[in-house]
Structures are given as C-alpha cells and as structure tokens.
C-alpha cells in the first residue's frame, strides 16, 4: 500500500491562498516622516508603522 502525505505548504504548515483577492488596507501615519499611508494590517498602536519609502530606507541593504 502506497502512502501519500499532503502537508499543504512547502514547510509542512497550512497552505496560504495568495489569490484570495485584494487585501484590506488600513490607514496609518508614518512614525518616521509623519505622512499618511496605508498598510495591509491593522496597526495596534504599540509598535511604529512606516510608509513604504521610510520602511525601504530602514531595511539593511543587500549586496
């Protein structure tokens, strides 16, 4: 008898469906420049939120 294991995702976790439609965006204010922006998560207020440009400047550069 042949056994087939279906793990779902490539790392053994549940498979995420990335084609489920547009993400719900939430308004936020960038902690760095103060510009209003939208993020794909609901800000909780206990951590800083950055706009796309400020977030890109904070990430370490890849060589």
PDB file of N, CA and C in Angstrom:
ATOM      1  N   UNK A   1       0.851  -1.181   0.000  1.00  0.00           N
ATOM      2  CA  UNK A   1       0.000   0.000   0.000  1.00  0.00           C
ATOM      3  C   UNK A   1       0.894   1.241   0.000  1.00  0.00           C
ATOM      4  N   UNK A   2       0.660   2.158  -0.932  1.00  0.00           N
ATOM      5  CA  UNK A   2       1.456   3.366  -1.047  1.00  0.00           C
ATOM      6  C   UNK A   2       0.816   4.478  -0.229  1.00  0.00           C
ATOM      7  N   UNK A   3       1.623   5.168   0.564  1.00  0.00           N
ATOM      8  CA  UNK A   3       1.122   6.292   1.371  1.00  0.00           C
ATOM      9  C   UNK A   3       1.529   7.599   0.712  1.00  0.00           C
ATOM     10  N   UNK A   4       0.622   8.522   0.671  1.00  0.00           N
ATOM     11  CA  UNK A   4       0.912   9.857   0.163  1.00  0.00           C
ATOM     12  C   UNK A   4       0.617  10.849   1.269  1.00  0.00           C
ATOM     13  N   UNK A   5       1.577  11.705   1.519  1.00  0.00           N
ATOM     14  CA  UNK A   5       1.413  12.708   2.563  1.00  0.00           C
ATOM     15  C   UNK A   5       1.191  14.065   1.915  1.00  0.00           C
ATOM     16  N   UNK A   6       0.156  14.720   2.307  1.00  0.00           N
ATOM     17  CA  UNK A   6      -0.142  16.052   1.809  1.00  0.00           C
ATOM     18  C   UNK A   6       0.037  17.026   2.963  1.00  0.00           C
ATOM     19  N   UNK A   7       1.141  17.736   2.948  1.00  0.00           N
ATOM     20  CA  UNK A   7       1.431  18.658   4.039  1.00  0.00           C
ATOM     21  C   UNK A   7       0.840  20.040   3.819  1.00  0.00           C
ATOM     22  N   UNK A   8       0.416  20.346   2.647  1.00  0.00           N
ATOM     23  CA  UNK A   8      -0.149  21.657   2.372  1.00  0.00           C
ATOM     24  C   UNK A   8       0.898  22.603   1.839  1.00  0.00           C
ATOM     25  N   UNK A   9       1.699  23.215   2.698  1.00  0.00           N
ATOM     26  CA  UNK A   9       2.724  24.160   2.278  1.00  0.00           C
ATOM     27  C   UNK A   9       4.073  23.484   2.113  1.00  0.00           C
ATOM     28  N   UNK A  10       5.032  24.229   1.646  1.00  0.00           N
ATOM     29  CA  UNK A  10       6.350  23.659   1.393  1.00  0.00           C
ATOM     30  C   UNK A  10       7.119  23.393   2.678  1.00  0.00           C
ATOM     31  N   UNK A  11       6.731  24.013   3.776  1.00  0.00           N
ATOM     32  CA  UNK A  11       7.413  23.805   5.052  1.00  0.00           C
ATOM     33  C   UNK A  11       6.582  22.971   6.010  1.00  0.00           C
ATOM     34  N   UNK A  12       5.574  22.343   5.538  1.00  0.00           N
ATOM     35  CA  UNK A  12       4.780  21.469   6.385  1.00  0.00           C
ATOM     36  C   UNK A  12       3.595  22.143   7.055  1.00  0.00           C
ATOM     37  N   UNK A  13       3.468  23.453   6.891  1.00  0.00           N
ATOM     38  CA  UNK A  13       2.355  24.168   7.504  1.00  0.00           C
ATOM     39  C   UNK A  13       1.172  24.241   6.572  1.00  0.00           C
ATOM     40  N   UNK A  14       0.121  24.879   7.013  1.00  0.00           N
ATOM     41  CA  UNK A  14      -1.053  25.012   6.141  1.00  0.00           C
ATOM     42  C   UNK A  14      -0.739  25.889   4.937  1.00  0.00           C
ATOM     43  N   UNK A  15      -1.369  25.585   3.842  1.00  0.00           N
ATOM     44  CA  UNK A  15      -1.146  26.334   2.609  1.00  0.00           C
ATOM     45  C   UNK A  15      -1.920  27.638   2.664  1.00  0.00           C
ATOM     46  N   UNK A  16      -1.250  28.743   2.306  1.00  0.00           N
ATOM     47  CA  UNK A  16      -1.905  30.045   2.243  1.00  0.00           C
ATOM     48  C   UNK A  16      -2.320  30.310   0.812  1.00  0.00           C
ATOM     49  N   UNK A  17      -3.503  30.815   0.634  1.00  0.00           N
ATOM     50  CA  UNK A  17      -4.006  31.112  -0.704  1.00  0.00           C
ATOM     51  C   UNK A  17      -3.753  32.583  -0.999  1.00  0.00           C
ATOM     52  N   UNK A  18      -2.782  32.859  -1.862  1.00  0.00           N
ATOM     53  CA  UNK A  18      -2.424  34.237  -2.160  1.00  0.00           C
ATOM     54  C   UNK A  18      -3.306  34.859  -3.238  1.00  0.00           C
ATOM     55  N   UNK A  19      -4.195  34.092  -3.817  1.00  0.00           N
ATOM     56  CA  UNK A  19      -5.089  34.622  -4.838  1.00  0.00           C
ATOM     57  C   UNK A  19      -6.497  34.815  -4.295  1.00  0.00           C
ATOM     58  N   UNK A  20      -6.611  35.226  -3.050  1.00  0.00           N
ATOM     59  CA  UNK A  20      -7.929  35.356  -2.427  1.00  0.00           C
ATOM     60  C   UNK A  20      -8.544  36.733  -2.653  1.00  0.00           C
ATOM     61  N   UNK A  21      -7.934  37.565  -3.502  1.00  0.00           N
ATOM     62  CA  UNK A  21      -8.490  38.867  -3.791  1.00  0.00           C
ATOM     63  C   UNK A  21      -7.659  39.968  -3.154  1.00  0.00           C
ATOM     64  N   UNK A  22      -8.117  41.203  -3.270  1.00  0.00           N
ATOM     65  CA  UNK A  22      -7.350  42.323  -2.732  1.00  0.00           C
ATOM     66  C   UNK A  22      -7.336  42.317  -1.203  1.00  0.00           C
ATOM     67  N   UNK A  23      -6.218  42.761  -0.667  1.00  0.00           N
ATOM     68  CA  UNK A  23      -6.078  42.841   0.781  1.00  0.00           C
ATOM     69  C   UNK A  23      -6.824  44.040   1.326  1.00  0.00           C
ATOM     70  N   UNK A  24      -7.283  43.930   2.548  1.00  0.00           N
ATOM     71  CA  UNK A  24      -7.905  45.063   3.215  1.00  0.00           C
ATOM     72  C   UNK A  24      -6.794  45.961   3.730  1.00  0.00           C
ATOM     73  N   UNK A  25      -6.818  47.220   3.337  1.00  0.00           N
ATOM     74  CA  UNK A  25      -5.786  48.165   3.732  1.00  0.00           C
ATOM     75  C   UNK A  25      -6.316  49.065   4.844  1.00  0.00           C
ATOM     76  N   UNK A  26      -5.412  49.495   5.729  1.00  0.00           N
ATOM     77  CA  UNK A  26      -5.781  50.339   6.864  1.00  0.00           C
ATOM     78  C   UNK A  26      -4.936  51.605   6.851  1.00  0.00           C
ATOM     79  N   UNK A  27      -5.560  52.722   7.169  1.00  0.00           N
ATOM     80  CA  UNK A  27      -4.851  54.000   7.198  1.00  0.00           C
ATOM     81  C   UNK A  27      -3.975  54.073   8.440  1.00  0.00           C
ATOM     82  N   UNK A  28      -2.785  54.676   8.254  1.00  0.00           N
ATOM     83  CA  UNK A  28      -1.839  54.845   9.350  1.00  0.00           C
ATOM     84  C   UNK A  28      -1.014  56.096   9.085  1.00  0.00           C
ATOM     85  N   UNK A  29      -0.310  56.552  10.100  1.00  0.00           N
ATOM     86  CA  UNK A  29       0.604  57.671   9.969  1.00  0.00           C
ATOM     87  C   UNK A  29       2.017  57.156  10.185  1.00  0.00           C
ATOM     88  N   UNK A  30       2.904  57.473   9.262  1.00  0.00           N
ATOM     89  CA  UNK A  30       4.283  57.004   9.331  1.00  0.00           C
ATOM     90  C   UNK A  30       4.968  57.588  10.560  1.00  0.00           C
ATOM     91  N   UNK A  31       5.622  56.738  11.341  1.00  0.00           N
ATOM     92  CA  UNK A  31       6.323  57.165  12.549  1.00  0.00           C
ATOM     93  C   UNK A  31       7.601  57.932  12.223  1.00  0.00           C
ATOM     94  N   UNK A  32       8.099  57.817  10.992  1.00  0.00           N
ATOM     95  CA  UNK A  32       9.351  58.475  10.607  1.00  0.00           C
ATOM     96  C   UNK A  32       9.105  59.857  10.007  1.00  0.00           C
ATOM     97  N   UNK A  33       8.268  59.938   8.963  1.00  0.00           N
ATOM     98  CA  UNK A  33       8.084  61.205   8.245  1.00  0.00           C
ATOM     99  C   UNK A  33       6.742  61.878   8.536  1.00  0.00           C
ATOM    100  N   UNK A  34       5.811  61.174   9.157  1.00  0.00           N
ATOM    101  CA  UNK A  34       4.518  61.759   9.509  1.00  0.00           C
ATOM    102  C   UNK A  34       3.488  61.743   8.389  1.00  0.00           C
ATOM    103  N   UNK A  35       3.851  61.163   7.246  1.00  0.00           N
ATOM    104  CA  UNK A  35       2.952  61.111   6.094  1.00  0.00           C
ATOM    105  C   UNK A  35       1.867  60.053   6.334  1.00  0.00           C
ATOM    106  N   UNK A  36       0.657  60.329   5.854  1.00  0.00           N
ATOM    107  CA  UNK A  36      -0.408  59.331   5.945  1.00  0.00           C
ATOM    108  C   UNK A  36      -0.166  58.263   4.886  1.00  0.00           C
ATOM    109  N   UNK A  37      -0.363  56.995   5.274  1.00  0.00           N
ATOM    110  CA  UNK A  37      -0.141  55.888   4.358  1.00  0.00           C
ATOM    111  C   UNK A  37      -1.157  54.791   4.643  1.00  0.00           C
ATOM    112  N   UNK A  38      -1.120  53.744   3.833  1.00  0.00           N
ATOM    113  CA  UNK A  38      -1.987  52.585   4.036  1.00  0.00           C
ATOM    114  C   UNK A  38      -1.116  51.349   4.190  1.00  0.00           C
ATOM    115  N   UNK A  39      -1.506  50.488   5.120  1.00  0.00           N
ATOM    116  CA  UNK A  39      -0.759  49.261   5.392  1.00  0.00           C
ATOM    117  C   UNK A  39      -1.710  48.075   5.351  1.00  0.00           C
ATOM    118  N   UNK A  40      -1.203  46.865   5.029  1.00  0.00           N
ATOM    119  CA  UNK A  40      -2.071  45.690   4.892  1.00  0.00           C
ATOM    120  C   UNK A  40      -2.365  44.981   6.216  1.00  0.00           C
ATOM    121  N   UNK A  41      -2.251  45.697   7.333  1.00  0.00           N
ATOM    122  CA  UNK A  41      -2.571  45.144   8.650  1.00  0.00           C
ATOM    123  C   UNK A  41      -3.166  46.258   9.491  1.00  0.00           C
ATOM    124  N   UNK A  42      -3.875  45.908  10.531  1.00  0.00           N
ATOM    125  CA  UNK A  42      -4.483  46.903  11.405  1.00  0.00           C
ATOM    126  C   UNK A  42      -3.465  47.298  12.472  1.00  0.00           C
ATOM    127  N   UNK A  43      -2.984  48.545  12.437  1.00  0.00           N
ATOM    128  CA  UNK A  43      -1.995  48.973  13.426  1.00  0.00           C
ATOM    129  C   UNK A  43      -2.571  48.908  14.845  1.00  0.00           C
ATOM    130  N   UNK A  44      -1.798  48.344  15.766  1.00  0.00           N
ATOM    131  CA  UNK A  44      -2.273  48.195  17.143  1.00  0.00           C
ATOM    132  C   UNK A  44      -1.927  49.399  18.006  1.00  0.00           C
ATOM    133  N   UNK A  45      -0.948  50.207  17.565  1.00  0.00           N
ATOM    134  CA  UNK A  45      -0.572  51.383  18.320  1.00  0.00           C
ATOM    135  C   UNK A  45       0.610  51.160  19.240  1.00  0.00           C
ATOM    136  N   UNK A  46       0.999  49.924  19.485  1.00  0.00           N
ATOM    137  CA  UNK A  46       2.121  49.668  20.381  1.00  0.00           C
ATOM    138  C   UNK A  46       3.459  49.546  19.650  1.00  0.00           C
ATOM    139  N   UNK A  47       3.438  49.561  18.318  1.00  0.00           N
ATOM    140  CA  UNK A  47       4.661  49.498  17.519  1.00  0.00           C
ATOM    141  C   UNK A  47       4.594  50.557  16.432  1.00  0.00           C
ATOM    142  N   UNK A  48       5.746  51.105  16.007  1.00  0.00           N
ATOM    143  CA  UNK A  48       5.738  52.125  14.952  1.00  0.00           C
ATOM    144  C   UNK A  48       5.351  51.529  13.604  1.00  0.00           C
ATOM    145  N   UNK A  49       4.714  52.353  12.795  1.00  0.00           N
ATOM    146  CA  UNK A  49       4.324  51.973  11.435  1.00  0.00           C
ATOM    147  C   UNK A  49       5.035  52.932  10.489  1.00  0.00           C
ATOM    148  N   UNK A  50       5.610  52.394   9.412  1.00  0.00           N
ATOM    149  CA  UNK A  50       6.349  53.205   8.461  1.00  0.00           C
ATOM    150  C   UNK A  50       5.706  53.141   7.081  1.00  0.00           C
ATOM    151  N   UNK A  51       5.791  54.262   6.346  1.00  0.00           N
ATOM    152  CA  UNK A  51       5.318  54.277   4.964  1.00  0.00           C
ATOM    153  C   UNK A  51       6.294  53.452   4.126  1.00  0.00           C
ATOM    154  N   UNK A  52       5.942  53.201   2.889  1.00  0.00           N
ATOM    155  CA  UNK A  52       6.762  52.360   2.002  1.00  0.00           C
ATOM    156  C   UNK A  52       8.187  52.907   1.856  1.00  0.00           C
ATOM    157  N   UNK A  53       8.324  54.223   1.673  1.00  0.00           N
ATOM    158  CA  UNK A  53       9.641  54.812   1.458  1.00  0.00           C
ATOM    159  C   UNK A  53      10.507  54.723   2.717  1.00  0.00           C
ATOM    160  N   UNK A  54       9.960  55.069   3.879  1.00  0.00           N
ATOM    161  CA  UNK A  54      10.735  55.021   5.122  1.00  0.00           C
ATOM    162  C   UNK A  54      11.078  53.585   5.495  1.00  0.00           C
ATOM    163  N   UNK A  55      10.168  52.661   5.253  1.00  0.00           N
ATOM    164  CA  UNK A  55      10.447  51.250   5.539  1.00  0.00           C
ATOM    165  C   UNK A  55      11.597  50.745   4.668  1.00  0.00           C
ATOM    166  N   UNK A  56      11.600  51.130   3.402  1.00  0.00           N
ATOM    167  CA  UNK A  56      12.665  50.714   2.493  1.00  0.00           C
ATOM    168  C   UNK A  56      14.008  51.287   2.938  1.00  0.00           C
ATOM    169  N   UNK A  57      14.016  52.512   3.483  1.00  0.00           N
ATOM    170  CA  UNK A  57      15.266  53.115   3.946  1.00  0.00           C
ATOM    171  C   UNK A  57      15.779  52.469   5.228  1.00  0.00           C
ATOM    172  N   UNK A  58      14.915  51.875   6.027  1.00  0.00           N
ATOM    173  CA  UNK A  58      15.314  51.235   7.282  1.00  0.00           C
ATOM    174  C   UNK A  58      15.846  49.825   7.094  1.00  0.00           C
ATOM    175  N   UNK A  59      15.468  49.166   6.004  1.00  0.00           N
ATOM    176  CA  UNK A  59      15.898  47.784   5.762  1.00  0.00           C
ATOM    177  C   UNK A  59      17.386  47.756   5.446  1.00  0.00           C
ATOM    178  N   UNK A  60      18.102  46.728   5.911  1.00  0.00           N
ATOM    179  CA  UNK A  60      19.520  46.617   5.557  1.00  0.00           C
ATOM    180  C   UNK A  60      19.685  46.363   4.058  1.00  0.00           C
ATOM    181  N   UNK A  61      20.697  46.934   3.504  1.00  0.00           N
ATOM    182  CA  UNK A  61      20.967  46.789   2.067  1.00  0.00           C
ATOM    183  C   UNK A  61      21.541  45.413   1.775  1.00  0.00           C
ATOM    184  N   UNK A  62      21.111  44.816   0.667  1.00  0.00           N
ATOM    185  CA  UNK A  62      21.662  43.528   0.220  1.00  0.00           C
ATOM    186  C   UNK A  62      22.718  43.791  -0.825  1.00  0.00           C
ATOM    187  N   UNK A  63      23.791  43.059  -0.762  1.00  0.00           N
ATOM    188  CA  UNK A  63      24.880  43.221  -1.720  1.00  0.00           C
ATOM    189  C   UNK A  63      24.960  42.046  -2.631  1.00  0.00           C
TER     190      UNK A  63
END
